[in-house]
Amino acid sequence: MARRRQLSFRRRRSSGRALALSFILFFLALTLAPPIKHYFTQRAQISALNAQLVSDNKALDDARKELSLWQDPEYIKSQARERLHFVLPGERQYIVTGTDQNTENEPTTKISSALVDGQPWYTRLIASISESGEK
């Protein structure tokens, strides 16, 4: 009987120790979880900001290259000719239309007989809408 008592006391004692240890581990987990979560959140934010910094630096380099191009007077002239169709004095400019490669594949559009010049704009608009609805 004394032996049973001793075993019973040891079991209680070991279960008390296990309970205390589990309580301590649980308390540590509750205490350490928020700072660990904040740490990983901040590391993710730092990584995202580093990636954004790299892309912003690349965009800045591209803008600086374009700015250096615009310092060249010949580049400015070529862009004015290309974009704005400027012509230097004494030159003639010819603009050729309808030579795009894509126009060969596009269906041709039929001009309506109802869209006669000289009519008010709203009459031509209504005729255009009604004609497109028939197709």
N, C-alpha and C. Protein backbone atom coordinates (compact mmCIF):
# COMPACT_ATOMS: atom_id res chain seq x y z
N MET A 1 0.81 -1.18 0.00
CA MET A 1 0.00 0.00 0.00
C MET A 1 0.87 1.27 0.00
N ALA A 2 1.93 1.21 0.70
CA ALA A 2 2.83 2.35 0.75
C ALA A 2 3.44 2.60 -0.62
N ARG A 3 3.67 1.49 -1.31
CA ARG A 3 4.23 1.60 -2.64
C ARG A 3 3.23 2.28 -3.60
N ARG A 4 1.97 1.92 -3.47
CA ARG A 4 0.92 2.53 -4.29
C ARG A 4 0.83 4.03 -4.02
N ARG A 5 0.94 4.35 -2.75
CA ARG A 5 0.88 5.74 -2.37
C ARG A 5 2.04 6.53 -2.98
N GLN A 6 3.19 5.91 -2.94
CA GLN A 6 4.38 6.56 -3.47
C GLN A 6 4.24 6.76 -4.99
N LEU A 7 3.73 5.74 -5.69
CA LEU A 7 3.52 5.86 -7.13
C LEU A 7 2.48 6.92 -7.44
N SER A 8 1.43 6.94 -6.66
CA SER A 8 0.37 7.92 -6.86
C SER A 8 0.91 9.33 -6.64
N PHE A 9 1.74 9.50 -5.61
CA PHE A 9 2.33 10.81 -5.32
C PHE A 9 3.26 11.25 -6.44
N ARG A 10 4.04 10.30 -6.98
CA ARG A 10 4.96 10.63 -8.09
C ARG A 10 4.17 11.01 -9.34
N ARG A 11 3.08 10.29 -9.57
CA ARG A 11 2.27 10.63 -10.76
C ARG A 11 1.70 12.03 -10.65
N ARG A 12 1.19 12.33 -9.46
CA ARG A 12 0.64 13.66 -9.26
C ARG A 12 1.72 14.72 -9.40
N ARG A 13 2.86 14.40 -8.85
CA ARG A 13 3.97 15.33 -8.88
C ARG A 13 4.44 15.55 -10.33
N SER A 14 4.56 14.45 -11.10
CA SER A 14 5.00 14.58 -12.49
C SER A 14 3.93 15.24 -13.34
N SER A 15 2.67 14.95 -13.07
CA SER A 15 1.61 15.61 -13.84
C SER A 15 1.55 17.09 -13.48
N GLY A 16 1.85 17.47 -12.26
CA GLY A 16 1.91 18.87 -11.84
C GLY A 16 3.05 19.59 -12.54
N ARG A 17 4.18 18.88 -12.65
CA ARG A 17 5.32 19.46 -13.33
C ARG A 17 5.00 19.65 -14.83
N ALA A 18 4.39 18.66 -15.42
CA ALA A 18 4.03 18.75 -16.83
C ALA A 18 3.03 19.88 -17.05
N LEU A 19 2.10 20.02 -16.13
CA LEU A 19 1.12 21.09 -16.23
C LEU A 19 1.79 22.46 -16.11
N ALA A 20 2.71 22.58 -15.17
CA ALA A 20 3.43 23.85 -14.99
C ALA A 20 4.29 24.16 -16.22
N LEU A 21 4.97 23.14 -16.74
CA LEU A 21 5.79 23.34 -17.93
C LEU A 21 4.95 23.72 -19.13
N SER A 22 3.81 23.08 -19.30
CA SER A 22 2.94 23.42 -20.42
C SER A 22 2.38 24.84 -20.26
N PHE A 23 2.07 25.23 -19.02
CA PHE A 23 1.59 26.59 -18.78
C PHE A 23 2.68 27.60 -19.12
N ILE A 24 3.91 27.33 -18.73
CA ILE A 24 5.02 28.24 -19.03
C ILE A 24 5.24 28.34 -20.53
N LEU A 25 5.22 27.23 -21.25
CA LEU A 25 5.39 27.24 -22.70
C LEU A 25 4.25 28.01 -23.38
N PHE A 26 3.03 27.80 -22.90
CA PHE A 26 1.89 28.52 -23.45
C PHE A 26 2.03 30.02 -23.22
N PHE A 27 2.44 30.41 -22.03
CA PHE A 27 2.65 31.82 -21.72
C PHE A 27 3.75 32.42 -22.59
N LEU A 28 4.84 31.69 -22.81
CA LEU A 28 5.91 32.16 -23.69
C LEU A 28 5.43 32.32 -25.12
N ALA A 29 4.62 31.37 -25.58
CA ALA A 29 4.09 31.46 -26.95
C ALA A 29 3.20 32.69 -27.10
N LEU A 30 2.35 32.95 -26.09
CA LEU A 30 1.49 34.13 -26.14
C LEU A 30 2.31 35.42 -26.08
N THR A 31 3.39 35.39 -25.33
CA THR A 31 4.21 36.58 -25.17
C THR A 31 5.04 36.85 -26.42
N LEU A 32 5.56 35.83 -27.07
CA LEU A 32 6.46 36.00 -28.20
C LEU A 32 5.76 36.06 -29.55
N ALA A 33 4.53 35.64 -29.66
CA ALA A 33 3.84 35.59 -30.96
C ALA A 33 3.68 36.97 -31.61
N PRO A 34 3.19 37.99 -30.92
CA PRO A 34 3.03 39.30 -31.59
C PRO A 34 4.34 39.91 -32.09
N PRO A 35 5.43 39.91 -31.28
CA PRO A 35 6.66 40.48 -31.83
C PRO A 35 7.20 39.70 -33.04
N ILE A 36 7.05 38.40 -33.04
CA ILE A 36 7.50 37.59 -34.18
C ILE A 36 6.67 37.91 -35.40
N LYS A 37 5.36 38.07 -35.20
CA LYS A 37 4.48 38.42 -36.32
C LYS A 37 4.86 39.78 -36.88
N HIS A 38 5.11 40.76 -36.01
CA HIS A 38 5.52 42.09 -36.46
C HIS A 38 6.85 42.04 -37.20
N TYR A 39 7.76 41.22 -36.72
CA TYR A 39 9.06 41.08 -37.37
C TYR A 39 8.89 40.61 -38.81
N PHE A 40 8.11 39.55 -39.01
CA PHE A 40 7.92 39.02 -40.36
C PHE A 40 7.14 40.00 -41.25
N THR A 41 6.19 40.71 -40.66
CA THR A 41 5.45 41.71 -41.43
C THR A 41 6.38 42.84 -41.89
N GLN A 42 7.24 43.28 -40.99
CA GLN A 42 8.17 44.34 -41.35
C GLN A 42 9.20 43.86 -42.37
N ARG A 43 9.63 42.63 -42.29
CA ARG A 43 10.56 42.10 -43.28
C ARG A 43 9.90 42.06 -44.66
N ALA A 44 8.62 41.71 -44.72
CA ALA A 44 7.90 41.71 -46.00
C ALA A 44 7.78 43.13 -46.54
N GLN A 45 7.50 44.10 -45.67
CA GLN A 45 7.41 45.49 -46.10
C GLN A 45 8.75 45.99 -46.61
N ILE A 46 9.82 45.62 -45.94
CA ILE A 46 11.16 46.03 -46.37
C ILE A 46 11.48 45.45 -47.74
N SER A 47 11.12 44.20 -47.95
CA SER A 47 11.36 43.58 -49.26
C SER A 47 10.56 44.28 -50.36
N ALA A 48 9.31 44.60 -50.07
CA ALA A 48 8.48 45.29 -51.06
C ALA A 48 9.04 46.68 -51.36
N LEU A 49 9.49 47.39 -50.34
CA LEU A 49 10.05 48.72 -50.55
C LEU A 49 11.37 48.65 -51.32
N ASN A 50 12.17 47.62 -51.08
CA ASN A 50 13.40 47.45 -51.85
C ASN A 50 13.10 47.20 -53.33
N ALA A 51 12.09 46.38 -53.60
CA ALA A 51 11.71 46.12 -54.98
C ALA A 51 11.20 47.40 -55.65
N GLN A 52 10.42 48.18 -54.92
CA GLN A 52 9.91 49.44 -55.46
C GLN A 52 11.06 50.41 -55.71
N LEU A 53 12.04 50.42 -54.82
CA LEU A 53 13.21 51.30 -54.98
C LEU A 53 13.99 50.94 -56.24
N VAL A 54 14.14 49.64 -56.49
CA VAL A 54 14.86 49.20 -57.69
C VAL A 54 14.11 49.65 -58.94
N SER A 55 12.80 49.46 -58.97
CA SER A 55 12.02 49.86 -60.16
C SER A 55 12.02 51.38 -60.32
N ASP A 56 11.95 52.12 -59.22
CA ASP A 56 12.00 53.58 -59.31
C ASP A 56 13.35 54.06 -59.81
N ASN A 57 14.43 53.42 -59.38
CA ASN A 57 15.76 53.79 -59.87
C ASN A 57 15.90 53.51 -61.35
N LYS A 58 15.31 52.41 -61.82
CA LYS A 58 15.35 52.09 -63.24
C LYS A 58 14.57 53.14 -64.04
N ALA A 59 13.40 53.52 -63.53
CA ALA A 59 12.60 54.55 -64.21
C ALA A 59 13.35 55.89 -64.21
N LEU A 60 14.05 56.19 -63.13
CA LEU A 60 14.82 57.43 -63.07
C LEU A 60 15.97 57.40 -64.09
N ASP A 61 16.63 56.27 -64.22
CA ASP A 61 17.70 56.15 -65.21
C ASP A 61 17.16 56.32 -66.63
N ASP A 62 15.99 55.71 -66.89
CA ASP A 62 15.37 55.87 -68.22
C ASP A 62 15.01 57.33 -68.49
N ALA A 63 14.49 58.02 -67.47
CA ALA A 63 14.13 59.43 -67.64
C ALA A 63 15.37 60.29 -67.87
N ARG A 64 16.46 59.96 -67.19
CA ARG A 64 17.70 60.71 -67.40
C ARG A 64 18.24 60.49 -68.81
N LYS A 65 18.14 59.25 -69.31
CA LYS A 65 18.59 58.97 -70.68
C LYS A 65 17.76 59.77 -71.69
N GLU A 66 16.43 59.79 -71.47
CA GLU A 66 15.56 60.54 -72.38
C GLU A 66 15.85 62.03 -72.29
N LEU A 67 16.14 62.53 -71.08
CA LEU A 67 16.47 63.94 -70.92
C LEU A 67 17.76 64.28 -71.66
N SER A 68 18.73 63.38 -71.60
CA SER A 68 19.98 63.64 -72.32
C SER A 68 19.74 63.63 -73.83
N LEU A 69 18.79 62.81 -74.30
CA LEU A 69 18.45 62.84 -75.73
C LEU A 69 17.86 64.19 -76.13
N TRP A 70 17.02 64.74 -75.27
CA TRP A 70 16.36 66.00 -75.59
C TRP A 70 17.33 67.18 -75.52
N GLN A 71 18.54 66.98 -75.05
CA GLN A 71 19.55 68.05 -75.06
C GLN A 71 20.19 68.21 -76.44
N ASP A 72 20.04 67.20 -77.29
CA ASP A 72 20.63 67.21 -78.62
C ASP A 72 19.69 67.92 -79.60
N PRO A 73 20.14 68.99 -80.29
CA PRO A 73 19.26 69.71 -81.22
C PRO A 73 18.80 68.86 -82.40
N GLU A 74 19.63 67.95 -82.86
CA GLU A 74 19.24 67.08 -83.97
C GLU A 74 18.10 66.15 -83.57
N TYR A 75 18.13 65.65 -82.34
CA TYR A 75 17.05 64.79 -81.86
C TYR A 75 15.75 65.58 -81.77
N ILE A 76 15.85 66.81 -81.31
CA ILE A 76 14.65 67.66 -81.22
C ILE A 76 14.06 67.89 -82.60
N LYS A 77 14.91 68.16 -83.59
CA LYS A 77 14.42 68.36 -84.96
C LYS A 77 13.74 67.10 -85.49
N SER A 78 14.37 65.96 -85.24
CA SER A 78 13.78 64.71 -85.75
C SER A 78 12.44 64.42 -85.08
N GLN A 79 12.34 64.71 -83.79
CA GLN A 79 11.07 64.48 -83.10
C GLN A 79 10.00 65.46 -83.57
N ALA A 80 10.39 66.70 -83.84
CA ALA A 80 9.42 67.68 -84.34
C ALA A 80 8.92 67.28 -85.71
N ARG A 81 9.81 66.76 -86.54
CA ARG A 81 9.38 66.30 -87.86
C ARG A 81 8.47 65.08 -87.76
N GLU A 82 8.84 64.16 -86.90
CA GLU A 82 8.09 62.91 -86.80
C GLU A 82 6.76 63.08 -86.10
N ARG A 83 6.77 63.75 -84.96
CA ARG A 83 5.55 63.83 -84.15
C ARG A 83 4.63 64.96 -84.58
N LEU A 84 5.20 66.11 -84.90
CA LEU A 84 4.39 67.29 -85.18
C LEU A 84 4.32 67.63 -86.66
N HIS A 85 5.02 66.86 -87.49
CA HIS A 85 5.04 67.08 -88.93
C HIS A 85 5.56 68.47 -89.28
N PHE A 86 6.57 68.93 -88.55
CA PHE A 86 7.19 70.21 -88.87
C PHE A 86 8.08 70.07 -90.09
N VAL A 87 8.20 71.17 -90.82
CA VAL A 87 9.03 71.20 -92.01
C VAL A 87 9.92 72.43 -91.91
N LEU A 88 11.18 72.27 -92.28
CA LEU A 88 12.09 73.41 -92.29
C LEU A 88 11.77 74.30 -93.49
N PRO A 89 12.12 75.58 -93.40
CA PRO A 89 11.84 76.49 -94.53
C PRO A 89 12.51 76.00 -95.80
N GLY A 90 11.76 76.01 -96.88
CA GLY A 90 12.28 75.58 -98.17
C GLY A 90 12.02 74.11 -98.45
N GLU A 91 11.48 73.37 -97.51
CA GLU A 91 11.19 71.94 -97.73
C GLU A 91 9.70 71.78 -97.98
N ARG A 92 9.36 70.68 -98.64
CA ARG A 92 7.96 70.33 -98.85
C ARG A 92 7.68 69.03 -98.11
N GLN A 93 6.49 68.97 -97.60
CA GLN A 93 6.12 67.76 -96.85
C GLN A 93 4.99 67.06 -97.56
N TYR A 94 5.17 65.76 -97.71
CA TYR A 94 4.13 64.93 -98.29
C TYR A 94 3.75 63.88 -97.26
N ILE A 95 2.47 63.75 -97.00
CA ILE A 95 1.98 62.74 -96.08
C ILE A 95 1.19 61.73 -96.90
N VAL A 96 1.67 60.51 -96.91
CA VAL A 96 1.02 59.45 -97.66
C VAL A 96 0.15 58.67 -96.70
N THR A 97 -1.12 58.51 -97.05
CA THR A 97 -2.04 57.78 -96.18
C THR A 97 -2.47 56.50 -96.86
N GLY A 98 -2.92 55.55 -96.05
CA GLY A 98 -3.46 54.31 -96.58
C GLY A 98 -2.41 53.29 -96.98
N THR A 99 -1.18 53.44 -96.50
CA THR A 99 -0.15 52.48 -96.86
C THR A 99 0.19 51.55 -95.71
N ASP A 100 -0.61 51.54 -94.67
CA ASP A 100 -0.34 50.66 -93.53
C ASP A 100 -0.53 49.20 -93.94
N GLN A 101 0.24 48.33 -93.35
CA GLN A 101 0.12 46.90 -93.62
C GLN A 101 -1.19 46.34 -93.07
N ASN A 102 -1.70 46.94 -92.00
CA ASN A 102 -2.90 46.42 -91.35
C ASN A 102 -4.16 46.68 -92.16
N THR A 103 -4.17 47.65 -93.05
CA THR A 103 -5.39 47.99 -93.77
C THR A 103 -5.76 46.92 -94.78
N GLU A 104 -4.81 46.08 -95.19
CA GLU A 104 -5.13 45.02 -96.15
C GLU A 104 -6.04 43.97 -95.54
N ASN A 105 -5.89 43.72 -94.25
CA ASN A 105 -6.67 42.68 -93.59
C ASN A 105 -8.01 43.20 -93.07
N GLU A 106 -8.14 44.51 -92.94
CA GLU A 106 -9.37 45.07 -92.40
C GLU A 106 -10.46 45.10 -93.47
N PRO A 107 -11.70 44.86 -93.07
CA PRO A 107 -12.79 44.95 -94.06
C PRO A 107 -13.01 46.40 -94.48
N THR A 108 -13.38 46.56 -95.71
CA THR A 108 -13.63 47.92 -96.21
C THR A 108 -14.98 48.39 -95.68
N THR A 109 -15.06 49.67 -95.39
CA THR A 109 -16.31 50.22 -94.86
C THR A 109 -17.08 50.87 -96.00
N LYS A 110 -18.35 50.72 -95.98
CA LYS A 110 -19.22 51.28 -97.00
C LYS A 110 -19.76 52.61 -96.52
N ILE A 111 -19.60 53.63 -97.32
CA ILE A 111 -20.11 54.95 -96.96
C ILE A 111 -21.58 55.00 -97.37
N SER A 112 -22.39 55.38 -96.44
CA SER A 112 -23.82 55.39 -96.67
C SER A 112 -24.22 56.52 -97.61
N SER A 113 -25.21 56.24 -98.41
CA SER A 113 -25.73 57.28 -99.30
C SER A 113 -26.52 58.31 -98.50
N ALA A 114 -26.92 57.93 -97.28
CA ALA A 114 -27.69 58.86 -96.44
C ALA A 114 -26.78 59.90 -95.81
N LEU A 115 -25.47 59.68 -95.83
CA LEU A 115 -24.54 60.62 -95.21
C LEU A 115 -24.04 61.64 -96.25
N VAL A 116 -24.92 62.46 -96.67
CA VAL A 116 -24.61 63.46 -97.69
C VAL A 116 -24.12 64.72 -96.99
N ASP A 117 -23.08 65.32 -97.57
CA ASP A 117 -22.58 66.58 -97.01
C ASP A 117 -23.63 67.66 -97.18
N GLY A 118 -23.62 68.59 -96.27
CA GLY A 118 -24.57 69.69 -96.34
C GLY A 118 -25.76 69.49 -95.42
N GLN A 119 -25.95 68.29 -94.90
CA GLN A 119 -27.04 68.04 -93.96
C GLN A 119 -26.55 68.41 -92.56
N PRO A 120 -27.48 68.69 -91.65
CA PRO A 120 -27.07 68.99 -90.28
C PRO A 120 -26.39 67.77 -89.65
N TRP A 121 -25.55 68.03 -88.68
CA TRP A 121 -24.76 66.95 -88.08
C TRP A 121 -25.63 65.90 -87.41
N TYR A 122 -26.75 66.33 -86.81
CA TYR A 122 -27.60 65.38 -86.11
C TYR A 122 -28.32 64.44 -87.08
N THR A 123 -28.63 64.91 -88.28
CA THR A 123 -29.24 64.05 -89.28
C THR A 123 -28.25 62.99 -89.74
N ARG A 124 -27.02 63.41 -89.94
CA ARG A 124 -25.97 62.46 -90.35
C ARG A 124 -25.69 61.46 -89.23
N LEU A 125 -25.75 61.91 -87.98
CA LEU A 125 -25.52 61.02 -86.84
C LEU A 125 -26.61 59.95 -86.77
N ILE A 126 -27.86 60.36 -86.91
CA ILE A 126 -28.97 59.41 -86.85
C ILE A 126 -28.89 58.42 -88.00
N ALA A 127 -28.53 58.90 -89.20
CA ALA A 127 -28.39 58.00 -90.35
C ALA A 127 -27.25 57.02 -90.12
N SER A 128 -26.18 57.48 -89.54
CA SER A 128 -25.05 56.60 -89.27
C SER A 128 -25.41 55.52 -88.26
N ILE A 129 -26.15 55.89 -87.22
CA ILE A 129 -26.55 54.93 -86.19
C ILE A 129 -27.53 53.91 -86.76
N SER A 130 -28.50 54.39 -87.53
CA SER A 130 -29.47 53.46 -88.10
C SER A 130 -28.82 52.52 -89.11
N GLU A 131 -27.83 53.02 -89.86
CA GLU A 131 -27.14 52.19 -90.83
C GLU A 131 -26.30 51.12 -90.13
N SER A 132 -25.65 51.51 -89.05
CA SER A 132 -24.83 50.51 -88.34
C SER A 132 -25.69 49.47 -87.65
N GLY A 133 -26.92 49.83 -87.30
CA GLY A 133 -27.83 48.86 -86.69
C GLY A 133 -28.34 47.83 -87.68
N GLU A 134 -28.33 48.16 -88.98
CA GLU A 134 -28.82 47.22 -90.00
C GLU A 134 -27.81 46.15 -90.32
N LYS A 135 -26.54 46.37 -90.02
CA LYS A 135 -25.49 45.41 -90.39
C LYS A 135 -25.48 44.20 -89.55
